[in-house]
């Protein structure tokens, strides 16, 4: 069933990803994994003027099979 949900949302996630590529969010990078559109990796750059400045913080986002877009 998760496979069907993944296929169903594939088009919507690809549309969102294309929009993110066209208009990137400053200090944020997010990319879907090649094998699963419901799993993304992200990197956030620490804001200047804070104790996080100069750092990069990495994460993994796992969307549920029945996510609303």
Protein backbone atom coordinates (compact mmCIF):
# COMPACT_ATOMS: atom_id res chain seq x y z
CA UNK A 1 0.00 0.00 0.00
CA UNK A 2 2.85 2.42 0.76
CA UNK A 3 4.06 1.86 -2.80
CA UNK A 4 0.69 2.99 -4.20
CA UNK A 5 0.73 6.06 -1.97
CA UNK A 6 4.26 6.84 -3.10
CA UNK A 7 3.23 6.67 -6.75
CA UNK A 8 0.11 8.75 -6.06
CA UNK A 9 2.10 11.54 -4.40
CA UNK A 10 5.08 11.30 -6.73
CA UNK A 11 3.73 13.90 -9.13
CA UNK A 12 2.82 16.36 -6.36
CA UNK A 13 6.21 15.98 -4.67
CA UNK A 14 8.01 16.41 -8.00
CA UNK A 15 6.04 19.62 -8.60
CA UNK A 16 7.00 20.91 -5.15
CA UNK A 17 10.64 19.97 -5.74
CA UNK A 18 10.71 21.81 -9.09
CA UNK A 19 9.24 24.89 -7.39
CA UNK A 20 11.90 24.67 -4.67
CA UNK A 21 14.61 24.48 -7.34
CA UNK A 22 13.20 27.53 -9.14
CA UNK A 23 12.84 29.58 -5.96
CA UNK A 24 15.24 28.23 -3.34
CA UNK A 25 14.76 29.04 0.32
CA UNK A 26 17.81 30.86 1.66
CA UNK A 27 20.04 28.84 3.96
CA UNK A 28 18.11 25.61 3.25
CA UNK A 29 18.79 22.72 0.88
CA UNK A 30 16.33 19.83 0.57
CA UNK A 31 16.56 16.91 -1.85
CA UNK A 32 14.48 13.75 -2.25
CA UNK A 33 16.34 10.46 -2.19
CA UNK A 34 16.62 8.86 -5.64
CA UNK A 35 14.71 5.76 -4.60
CA UNK A 36 11.86 7.20 -2.49
CA UNK A 37 10.10 10.52 -3.11
CA UNK A 38 8.69 10.35 0.44
CA UNK A 39 12.19 10.50 1.96
CA UNK A 40 14.24 13.71 1.77
CA UNK A 41 17.57 14.91 3.11
CA UNK A 42 18.00 18.51 4.18
CA UNK A 43 20.74 20.87 5.29
CA UNK A 44 20.14 24.08 7.21
CA UNK A 45 22.77 26.80 7.50
CA UNK A 46 23.04 28.46 10.90
CA UNK A 47 21.85 32.09 10.92
CA UNK A 48 24.43 34.87 11.14
CA UNK A 49 24.51 36.68 14.46
CA UNK A 50 23.45 33.59 16.42
CA UNK A 51 25.40 30.87 18.19
CA UNK A 52 24.50 28.64 15.22
CA UNK A 53 26.34 30.85 12.68
CA UNK A 54 28.86 29.02 10.55
CA UNK A 55 27.33 25.62 11.24
CA UNK A 56 25.39 23.27 9.02
CA UNK A 57 22.70 21.05 10.43
CA UNK A 58 21.63 17.97 8.55
CA UNK A 59 18.39 16.07 8.73
CA UNK A 60 16.21 13.46 7.13
CA UNK A 61 12.51 14.00 6.49
CA UNK A 62 10.28 10.94 6.12
CA UNK A 63 6.79 11.78 4.93
CA UNK A 64 3.99 9.36 5.78
CA UNK A 65 2.43 7.46 2.87
CA UNK A 66 -0.81 9.41 3.28
CA UNK A 67 0.50 12.95 3.42
CA UNK A 68 -1.73 15.85 2.34
CA UNK A 69 -0.12 18.28 -0.07
